[in-house]
Amino acid sequence: MAGLSREGDTIAAISTAPGKAALAVVRLSGPESFAVAAKMVDGALPAPGTFAHRRIKDVSGRVIDDALILAFAAPKSYTGEDAIEFQCHGGGVVPARVLGVCIANGARLADRGEFTYRAVMAGKIDLDEAESILDLINAKTVKAADDAISGMGGGRKKEALRLYGMAIDLSALMEHSLDVDEDELPEGFFAMLDGKMLDFKTALEAALERERRSKILRDGVTVVLSGPPNSGKSSLMNALLGENRAIVSPEAGTTRDAVDAWLEVDGFPVRLIDTAGLRETDSPVEAEGVRRARSMAESADIVVNLGAAKRLGNGAGEGAKTILVHSKCDLSRGEGLNVSSVTGEGLDQLRTEIAARIAQLERPDDSRHAGAYAWACAEIERDGGNPELVIRANTMRRIGDALAELVGAVYSSDMLSRLFSRFCVGK
């Protein structure tokens, strides 16, 4: 992140999503925020902690908008710096012009996540809160938003602190034991130590599982509808979504490319994908659709298999991730879960089954917390039962150092860059 070495700059960015809207927000933050803004407005700036309507001018003095201006003096702002927010009219043109005038008057364009980076560096929020803010922005369901808000409220930090405390206590116990003669250790000391190590590993594994659940809430799961032509895939997709998203036709091979939409199942975001019917075909276009359908089924988290996909070799006919469905059960009954897109029979059961498969998903998590917890578990597995106490003490010392980064005792520049590059420019 380039901004790590340019903290003294005054930065600017559009903080709202592009597109048609009543309002847009352009942010200024840094030591020259008031000076930059003063060149842009017709009249005096509002006093810090207040707001005022002012006309905004470009460098030639031409009025480009009439905006609400909010002023924040350090440290009473999101970033902890002097800051200005222009609440201007929305759309594509006005916010871009206001941002351009900010830059023309001495600000520079903010890097991705730089406002939040500065908030962390100023002690306004910590890294856990910063990550949770990102999760809240990206939340696709209420359950995902609630999980992010819990993190913003300190839930994630409290768990990391508890585990860090356990690691420090164990490390201190081992270090003290190294300073005394083994004969002076109380009877049953090593059995007690083994028990504490097991409790610590169990707590780490529980935290790791919660991180994996959170990742699924953040990223969602992919559910692919797979099966031969006219097996009811497109009708089922429309029934699950409650809208006509996919084209339904009695003509075989109607769906040739993937059609996808987001669906909420038990609070989890689900990317539902309707794919081409699986069959042998002489049509190059349809054959490519079949190839893509098979590839998507193989890489999906969950496959809803309608009919004879197994014998066509799509790689998803059976297994833990596959739900066998007999569609059109209003016409006939069949193997698997009987579902009708016409009458709605079986749709709730299918949602319940998808939710059950989501609960069984084993998805690796690349977050800071999950990485530290998984690494700590592996270290304990490798050295935790070693008869040499010095080796076990060294293991706990390394684990304590790793968990220290989670609670803010240690920040590396590489880690900060990786985190804040995931934010949008205006956050």
Protein backbone atom coordinates (compact mmCIF):
# COMPACT_ATOMS: atom_id res chain seq x y z
CA MET A 1 0.00 0.00 0.00
CA ALA A 2 1.67 3.15 -1.24
CA GLY A 3 0.01 5.36 1.39
CA LEU A 4 1.92 3.68 4.23
CA SER A 5 4.86 5.99 3.50
CA ARG A 6 2.77 9.13 2.87
CA GLU A 7 0.79 9.58 6.09
CA GLY A 8 1.36 13.35 6.13
CA ASP A 9 -0.47 13.92 2.84
CA THR A 10 -3.99 15.26 2.62
CA ILE A 11 -6.06 12.65 0.81
CA ALA A 12 -9.41 12.72 -1.00
CA ALA A 13 -11.79 10.17 -2.45
CA ILE A 14 -15.43 9.53 -3.30
CA SER A 15 -16.77 7.39 -0.46
CA THR A 16 -20.12 6.38 -1.92
CA ALA A 17 -20.87 3.86 -4.67
CA PRO A 18 -21.00 5.12 -8.26
CA GLY A 19 -24.30 5.46 -10.10
CA LYS A 20 -27.51 7.43 -9.88
CA ALA A 21 -28.31 8.58 -6.35
CA ALA A 22 -29.64 11.61 -4.52
CA LEU A 23 -26.36 12.16 -2.68
CA ALA A 24 -22.68 11.30 -2.87
CA VAL A 25 -19.95 11.84 -0.28
CA VAL A 26 -16.46 13.13 -1.10
CA ARG A 27 -13.96 12.90 1.77
CA LEU A 28 -10.92 14.96 2.61
CA SER A 29 -8.55 13.95 5.41
CA GLY A 30 -5.17 15.24 6.49
CA PRO A 31 -3.41 18.34 7.80
CA GLU A 32 -4.42 20.56 4.87
CA SER A 33 -8.08 19.51 4.69
CA PHE A 34 -9.42 22.86 5.88
CA ALA A 35 -7.06 24.79 3.59
CA VAL A 36 -8.04 22.71 0.55
CA ALA A 37 -11.76 22.99 1.33
CA ALA A 38 -11.51 26.76 1.94
CA LYS A 39 -10.37 27.23 -1.68
CA MET A 40 -13.41 25.32 -2.92
CA VAL A 41 -16.35 26.94 -1.16
CA ASP A 42 -18.17 30.19 -1.62
CA GLY A 43 -18.10 31.60 1.90
CA ALA A 44 -16.59 30.48 5.19
CA LEU A 45 -16.15 26.85 6.18
CA PRO A 46 -18.41 25.60 8.97
CA ALA A 47 -16.81 25.45 12.40
CA PRO A 48 -15.44 22.04 13.43
CA GLY A 49 -18.25 19.80 14.64
CA THR A 50 -20.88 21.64 12.59
CA PHE A 51 -22.16 21.70 9.02
CA ALA A 52 -23.34 24.27 6.47
CA HIS A 53 -24.64 24.52 2.93
CA ARG A 54 -22.14 26.08 0.57
CA ARG A 55 -21.63 26.37 -3.16
CA ILE A 56 -18.57 24.53 -4.44
CA LYS A 57 -16.34 26.21 -7.03
CA ASP A 58 -13.73 24.84 -9.40
CA VAL A 59 -10.29 26.44 -9.75
CA SER A 60 -11.66 29.03 -12.19
CA GLY A 61 -14.33 30.13 -9.71
CA ARG A 62 -17.23 28.49 -11.58
CA VAL A 63 -19.91 26.95 -9.33
CA ILE A 64 -20.14 23.17 -9.84
CA ASP A 65 -22.53 22.18 -7.05
CA ASP A 66 -24.41 23.19 -3.92
CA ALA A 67 -23.42 20.83 -1.10
CA LEU A 68 -23.69 20.16 2.62
CA ILE A 69 -20.22 20.48 4.17
CA LEU A 70 -19.26 18.81 7.45
CA ALA A 71 -16.07 19.78 9.28
CA PHE A 72 -14.18 17.60 11.77
CA ALA A 73 -11.14 18.75 13.73
CA ALA A 74 -8.53 16.25 14.88
CA PRO A 75 -8.90 13.97 16.73
CA LYS A 76 -12.70 13.99 16.45
CA SER A 77 -12.99 12.37 13.02
CA TYR A 78 -13.02 8.86 11.57
CA THR A 79 -9.31 9.10 10.74
CA GLY A 80 -8.30 11.10 13.82
CA GLU A 81 -7.13 13.92 11.50
CA ASP A 82 -8.66 17.18 10.35
CA ALA A 83 -11.32 16.09 7.86
CA ILE A 84 -14.00 17.51 5.60
CA GLU A 85 -16.96 15.72 4.02
CA PHE A 86 -18.78 17.14 1.01
CA GLN A 87 -22.30 15.74 0.74
CA CYS A 88 -22.91 16.69 -2.85
CA HIS A 89 -25.44 15.63 -5.46
CA GLY A 90 -25.06 12.07 -6.70
CA GLY A 91 -24.55 10.65 -10.17
CA GLY A 92 -21.39 10.23 -12.15
CA VAL A 93 -20.43 13.82 -12.97
CA VAL A 94 -20.82 15.91 -9.81
CA PRO A 95 -18.82 13.74 -7.34
CA ALA A 96 -16.02 13.32 -9.89
CA ARG A 97 -15.83 17.10 -10.41
CA VAL A 98 -15.75 17.76 -6.65
CA LEU A 99 -12.99 15.18 -6.22
CA GLY A 100 -11.07 16.73 -9.12
CA VAL A 101 -11.21 20.15 -7.46
CA CYS A 102 -9.93 18.65 -4.18
CA ILE A 103 -6.92 17.24 -6.02
CA ALA A 104 -6.38 20.44 -8.01
CA ASN A 105 -6.21 22.37 -4.73
CA GLY A 106 -3.52 20.21 -3.13
CA ALA A 107 -4.98 16.86 -2.03
CA ARG A 108 -4.03 13.55 -3.59
CA LEU A 109 -6.24 10.57 -4.43
CA ALA A 110 -6.44 8.19 -1.48
CA ASP A 111 -5.13 4.66 -1.76
CA ARG A 112 -7.46 1.72 -1.19
CA GLY A 113 -8.49 1.59 2.46
CA GLU A 114 -6.29 4.55 3.39
CA PHE A 115 -8.96 6.34 5.45
CA THR A 116 -9.43 3.23 7.60
CA TYR A 117 -5.66 2.65 7.73
CA ARG A 118 -5.25 6.14 9.18
CA ALA A 119 -8.04 5.44 11.68
CA VAL A 120 -6.12 2.37 12.87
CA MET A 121 -2.83 4.26 13.07
CA ALA A 122 -4.52 7.04 15.06
CA GLY A 123 -5.95 4.51 17.52
CA LYS A 124 -9.55 5.28 16.57
CA ILE A 125 -10.19 1.61 15.78
CA ASP A 126 -8.10 -1.56 15.87
CA LEU A 127 -7.42 -4.10 13.13
CA ASP A 128 -10.25 -6.37 14.22
CA GLU A 129 -12.70 -3.50 13.88
CA ALA A 130 -11.20 -2.56 10.50
CA GLU A 131 -11.67 -6.09 9.19
CA SER A 132 -15.20 -6.20 10.56
CA ILE A 133 -16.00 -2.88 8.85
CA LEU A 134 -14.90 -4.44 5.56
CA ASP A 135 -17.04 -7.52 6.26
CA LEU A 136 -20.05 -5.31 7.04
CA ILE A 137 -19.63 -3.38 3.78
CA ASN A 138 -19.47 -6.65 1.83
CA ALA A 139 -22.25 -8.45 3.76
CA LYS A 140 -24.84 -10.09 1.49
CA THR A 141 -27.26 -11.24 4.22
CA VAL A 142 -28.52 -10.02 7.60
CA LYS A 143 -26.73 -12.93 9.29
CA ALA A 144 -23.44 -11.88 7.66
CA ALA A 145 -24.01 -8.26 8.72
CA ASP A 146 -24.74 -9.33 12.31
CA ASP A 147 -21.55 -11.39 12.35
CA ALA A 148 -19.58 -8.35 11.17
CA ILE A 149 -21.23 -6.07 13.73
CA SER A 150 -20.28 -8.56 16.45
CA GLY A 151 -16.68 -8.19 15.30
CA MET A 152 -16.95 -4.40 15.36
CA GLY A 153 -18.26 -4.69 18.91
CA GLY A 154 -15.13 -6.52 19.99
CA GLY A 155 -16.28 -10.15 19.89
CA ARG A 156 -13.42 -11.28 17.69
CA LYS A 157 -10.89 -9.28 19.69
CA LYS A 158 -12.12 -10.73 22.99
CA GLU A 159 -11.68 -14.26 21.70
CA ALA A 160 -8.17 -13.50 20.42
CA LEU A 161 -7.27 -11.90 23.77
CA ARG A 162 -8.58 -14.95 25.65
CA LEU A 163 -6.48 -17.30 23.52
CA TYR A 164 -3.47 -15.02 23.79
CA GLY A 165 -3.88 -15.04 27.57
CA MET A 166 -4.02 -18.84 27.59
CA ALA A 167 -0.83 -18.97 25.52
CA ILE A 168 0.97 -16.54 27.82
CA ASP A 169 -0.13 -18.45 30.93
CA LEU A 170 1.10 -21.74 29.46
CA SER A 171 4.34 -20.18 28.32
CA ALA A 172 4.96 -18.65 31.75
CA LEU A 173 4.24 -22.00 33.41
CA MET A 174 6.75 -23.77 31.17
CA GLU A 175 9.41 -21.08 31.50
CA HIS A 176 9.12 -21.21 35.29
CA SER A 177 9.39 -25.00 35.22
CA LEU A 178 12.64 -24.73 33.27
CA ASP A 179 14.13 -22.65 36.10
CA VAL A 180 13.65 -25.33 38.74
CA ASP A 181 14.97 -28.85 39.13
CA GLU A 182 12.60 -31.41 37.64
CA ASP A 183 12.58 -33.25 40.96
CA GLU A 184 11.06 -30.16 42.57
CA LEU A 185 8.07 -30.09 40.22
CA PRO A 186 4.81 -31.13 41.91
CA GLU A 187 3.54 -34.66 41.41
CA GLY A 188 1.42 -34.98 38.28
CA PHE A 189 2.90 -31.79 36.79
CA PHE A 190 3.29 -33.16 33.26
CA ALA A 191 -0.22 -34.69 33.27
CA MET A 192 -1.55 -31.30 34.35
CA LEU A 193 0.47 -29.60 31.62
CA ASP A 194 -0.84 -32.05 29.00
CA GLY A 195 -4.39 -31.28 30.13
CA LYS A 196 -3.85 -27.52 29.82
CA MET A 197 -2.31 -27.94 26.37
CA LEU A 198 -5.29 -30.03 25.26
CA ASP A 199 -7.72 -27.40 26.58
CA PHE A 200 -5.80 -24.71 24.72
CA LYS A 201 -5.82 -26.69 21.46
CA THR A 202 -9.57 -27.37 21.84
CA ALA A 203 -10.18 -23.63 22.30
CA LEU A 204 -8.07 -22.85 19.23
CA GLU A 205 -10.00 -25.38 17.14
CA ALA A 206 -13.34 -23.91 18.25
CA ALA A 207 -12.14 -20.42 17.32
CA LEU A 208 -10.90 -21.71 13.97
CA GLU A 209 -14.31 -23.26 13.26
CA ARG A 210 -16.01 -19.93 14.03
CA GLU A 211 -13.62 -18.20 11.63
CA ARG A 212 -14.50 -20.71 8.91
CA ARG A 213 -18.22 -20.11 9.48
CA SER A 214 -17.59 -16.38 9.22
CA LYS A 215 -15.74 -16.88 5.95
CA ILE A 216 -18.74 -18.68 4.47
CA LEU A 217 -20.93 -15.79 5.62
CA ARG A 218 -18.52 -13.34 3.98
CA ASP A 219 -17.92 -15.17 0.70
CA GLY A 220 -21.06 -17.25 0.30
CA VAL A 221 -21.36 -20.71 -1.20
CA THR A 222 -21.82 -21.87 -4.77
CA VAL A 223 -24.74 -24.17 -5.53
CA VAL A 224 -24.91 -25.57 -9.07
CA LEU A 225 -28.07 -27.01 -10.63
CA SER A 226 -26.90 -29.92 -12.78
CA GLY A 227 -28.70 -32.48 -14.93
CA PRO A 228 -29.84 -33.39 -18.44
CA PRO A 229 -31.91 -31.07 -20.67
CA ASN A 230 -35.53 -30.52 -19.64
CA SER A 231 -34.93 -31.93 -16.15
CA GLY A 232 -36.37 -28.76 -14.61
CA LYS A 233 -33.18 -26.87 -13.66
CA SER A 234 -34.30 -23.44 -14.90
CA SER A 235 -37.79 -23.84 -13.43
CA LEU A 236 -36.28 -24.86 -10.10
CA MET A 237 -33.97 -21.84 -10.13
CA ASN A 238 -36.91 -19.50 -10.75
CA ALA A 239 -38.95 -21.19 -8.01
CA LEU A 240 -36.15 -20.89 -5.45
CA LEU A 241 -35.56 -17.24 -6.34
CA GLY A 242 -39.24 -16.37 -6.55
CA GLU A 243 -38.71 -14.66 -9.90
CA ASN A 244 -38.27 -15.52 -13.58
CA ARG A 245 -34.48 -15.29 -13.74
CA ALA A 246 -33.78 -18.20 -16.14
CA ILE A 247 -35.51 -18.90 -19.47
CA VAL A 248 -37.85 -21.89 -19.32
CA SER A 249 -38.73 -23.71 -22.55
CA PRO A 250 -39.77 -27.23 -23.57
CA GLU A 251 -37.06 -27.04 -26.23
CA ALA A 252 -33.98 -29.02 -25.15
CA GLY A 253 -30.72 -27.10 -24.86
CA THR A 254 -32.28 -23.69 -24.11
CA THR A 255 -29.69 -22.92 -21.42
CA ARG A 256 -26.26 -22.87 -23.01
CA ASP A 257 -24.35 -20.52 -20.73
CA ALA A 258 -24.48 -20.30 -16.95
CA VAL A 259 -27.15 -18.11 -15.35
CA ASP A 260 -26.52 -17.12 -11.75
CA ALA A 261 -28.19 -15.15 -8.97
CA TRP A 262 -27.79 -14.69 -5.21
CA LEU A 263 -30.15 -16.46 -2.83
CA GLU A 264 -30.29 -16.46 0.98
CA VAL A 265 -30.48 -19.86 2.68
CA ASP A 266 -30.59 -19.98 6.49
CA GLY A 267 -28.84 -16.60 6.59
CA PHE A 268 -26.01 -17.69 4.29
CA PRO A 269 -25.47 -16.05 0.88
CA VAL A 270 -25.79 -18.65 -1.88
CA ARG A 271 -24.75 -18.13 -5.48
CA LEU A 272 -27.23 -20.29 -7.37
CA ILE A 273 -26.12 -21.30 -10.88
CA ASP A 274 -28.28 -22.79 -13.61
CA THR A 275 -26.16 -24.66 -16.16
CA ALA A 276 -26.52 -26.19 -19.60
CA GLY A 277 -28.23 -29.57 -19.83
CA LEU A 278 -25.79 -32.47 -19.83
CA ARG A 279 -25.99 -34.48 -23.03
CA GLU A 280 -23.98 -35.47 -26.09
CA THR A 281 -24.40 -32.88 -28.84
CA ASP A 282 -23.02 -31.99 -32.28
CA SER A 283 -23.51 -28.26 -31.67
CA PRO A 284 -20.14 -26.61 -30.84
CA VAL A 285 -21.89 -23.88 -28.84
CA GLU A 286 -23.98 -26.30 -26.79
CA ALA A 287 -20.97 -28.59 -26.34
CA GLU A 288 -19.04 -25.70 -24.81
CA GLY A 289 -21.98 -25.04 -22.49
CA VAL A 290 -21.96 -28.69 -21.42
CA ARG A 291 -18.22 -28.54 -20.79
CA ARG A 292 -18.66 -25.45 -18.61
CA ALA A 293 -21.56 -27.06 -16.77
CA ARG A 294 -19.44 -30.07 -15.86
CA SER A 295 -16.56 -27.86 -14.76
CA MET A 296 -18.84 -25.76 -12.55
CA ALA A 297 -20.36 -28.86 -10.99
CA GLU A 298 -16.90 -30.17 -10.14
CA SER A 299 -15.82 -26.91 -8.47
CA ALA A 300 -19.15 -26.14 -6.74
CA ASP A 301 -19.59 -26.28 -2.99
CA ILE A 302 -22.93 -28.05 -3.43
CA VAL A 303 -24.53 -29.69 -6.48
CA VAL A 304 -28.28 -30.12 -6.86
CA ASN A 305 -28.39 -33.07 -9.26
CA LEU A 306 -31.62 -33.34 -11.24
CA GLY A 307 -31.86 -36.72 -12.86
CA ALA A 308 -29.39 -38.66 -14.95
CA ALA A 309 -26.26 -36.54 -14.48
CA LYS A 310 -24.42 -39.45 -12.87
CA ARG A 311 -24.37 -41.60 -15.97
CA LEU A 312 -23.22 -38.65 -18.08
CA GLY A 313 -20.01 -38.36 -16.07
CA ASN A 314 -20.24 -34.78 -14.83
CA GLY A 315 -18.23 -35.65 -11.75
CA ALA A 316 -21.05 -34.58 -9.45
CA GLY A 317 -23.53 -37.42 -9.56
CA GLU A 318 -22.90 -38.55 -6.01
CA GLY A 319 -20.94 -37.70 -2.92
CA ALA A 320 -21.27 -35.57 0.20
CA LYS A 321 -21.74 -32.34 -1.73
CA THR A 322 -24.50 -33.65 -4.00
CA ILE A 323 -28.25 -33.45 -3.38
CA LEU A 324 -30.22 -35.80 -5.66
CA VAL A 325 -33.52 -34.21 -6.69
CA HIS A 326 -36.42 -35.54 -8.71
CA SER A 327 -38.04 -32.47 -10.23
CA LYS A 328 -41.59 -32.26 -11.63
CA CYS A 329 -42.94 -34.48 -8.86
CA ASP A 330 -46.38 -33.06 -9.66
CA LEU A 331 -46.22 -35.33 -12.74
CA SER A 332 -44.40 -38.36 -11.30
CA ARG A 333 -42.44 -39.45 -8.22
CA GLY A 334 -38.81 -40.49 -8.40
CA GLU A 335 -35.52 -41.13 -6.65
CA GLY A 336 -34.14 -38.51 -4.26
CA LEU A 337 -35.90 -35.43 -2.93
CA ASN A 338 -39.18 -34.92 -4.78
CA VAL A 339 -39.66 -31.29 -5.76
CA SER A 340 -42.19 -29.44 -7.89
CA SER A 341 -41.49 -25.96 -9.21
CA VAL A 342 -45.18 -25.72 -10.16
CA THR A 343 -46.83 -26.58 -6.83
CA GLY A 344 -43.92 -25.68 -4.53
CA GLU A 345 -43.79 -29.16 -3.02
CA GLY A 346 -40.35 -29.99 -1.63
CA LEU A 347 -38.87 -26.51 -2.01
CA ASP A 348 -38.63 -25.93 1.75
CA GLN A 349 -37.06 -29.37 2.20
CA LEU A 350 -34.54 -28.56 -0.50
CA ARG A 351 -33.60 -25.30 1.24
CA THR A 352 -33.23 -27.22 4.50
CA GLU A 353 -30.99 -29.78 2.82
CA ILE A 354 -28.84 -27.05 1.25
CA ALA A 355 -28.49 -25.44 4.70
CA ALA A 356 -27.43 -28.80 6.17
CA ARG A 357 -24.75 -29.20 3.48
CA ILE A 358 -23.51 -25.66 4.17
CA ALA A 359 -23.10 -26.60 7.83
CA GLN A 360 -20.89 -29.51 6.77
CA LEU A 361 -18.62 -27.47 4.50
CA GLU A 362 -14.91 -27.55 5.23
CA ARG A 363 -13.52 -24.41 3.67
CA PRO A 364 -9.98 -23.17 4.39
CA ASP A 365 -9.84 -19.60 5.65
CA ASP A 366 -6.99 -17.24 4.75
CA SER A 367 -7.86 -14.55 7.32
CA ARG A 368 -5.31 -13.37 9.90
CA HIS A 369 -7.17 -15.07 12.73
CA ALA A 370 -7.78 -18.39 11.00
CA GLY A 371 -4.18 -18.53 9.80
CA ALA A 372 -2.82 -17.95 13.30
CA TYR A 373 -5.20 -20.44 14.92
CA ALA A 374 -4.55 -23.16 12.33
CA TRP A 375 -0.79 -22.66 12.60
CA ALA A 376 -0.94 -22.78 16.40
CA CYS A 377 -2.93 -26.03 16.30
CA ALA A 378 -0.36 -27.57 13.94
CA GLU A 379 2.51 -26.48 16.21
CA ILE A 380 0.86 -28.04 19.25
CA GLU A 381 0.18 -31.21 17.28
CA ARG A 382 3.82 -31.38 16.31
CA ASP A 383 5.62 -30.39 19.55
CA GLY A 384 2.95 -30.19 22.25
CA GLY A 385 3.55 -33.69 23.60
CA ASN A 386 7.33 -33.63 23.34
CA PRO A 387 8.98 -35.06 26.49
CA GLU A 388 11.60 -32.29 26.29
CA LEU A 389 10.10 -29.38 28.19
CA VAL A 390 12.40 -26.86 26.53
CA ILE A 391 10.97 -27.78 23.10
CA ARG A 392 7.43 -27.38 24.36
CA ALA A 393 8.33 -24.03 25.91
CA ASN A 394 9.80 -22.83 22.62
CA THR A 395 6.61 -23.91 20.84
CA MET A 396 4.46 -21.92 23.25
CA ARG A 397 6.72 -18.90 22.89
CA ARG A 398 6.27 -18.99 19.09
CA ILE A 399 2.50 -19.38 19.45
CA GLY A 400 2.38 -16.44 21.87
CA ASP A 401 4.27 -14.29 19.36
CA ALA A 402 1.83 -15.26 16.58
CA LEU A 403 -1.24 -14.50 18.69
CA ALA A 404 0.32 -11.21 19.81
CA GLU A 405 -0.15 -9.92 16.27
CA LEU A 406 -3.88 -10.62 16.48
CA VAL A 407 -4.34 -8.52 19.61
CA GLY A 408 -2.31 -5.60 18.31
CA ALA A 409 0.92 -6.21 20.16
CA VAL A 410 2.75 -6.56 16.83
CA TYR A 411 1.86 -5.16 13.38
CA SER A 412 3.93 -5.85 10.27
CA SER A 413 3.85 -3.51 7.28
CA ASP A 414 3.20 -6.43 4.91
CA MET A 415 0.19 -7.52 6.94
CA LEU A 416 -1.21 -3.97 7.01
CA SER A 417 -0.76 -3.63 3.25
CA ARG A 418 -2.57 -6.91 2.57
CA LEU A 419 -5.51 -5.92 4.76
CA PHE A 420 -6.14 -2.38 3.56
CA SER A 421 -5.69 -3.20 -0.14
CA ARG A 422 -9.00 -5.10 0.16
CA PHE A 423 -10.92 -1.89 0.92
CA CYS A 424 -12.44 0.44 -1.66
CA VAL A 425 -10.66 3.74 -2.35
CA GLY A 426 -13.06 5.90 -0.31
CA LYS A 427 -13.02 3.85 2.91
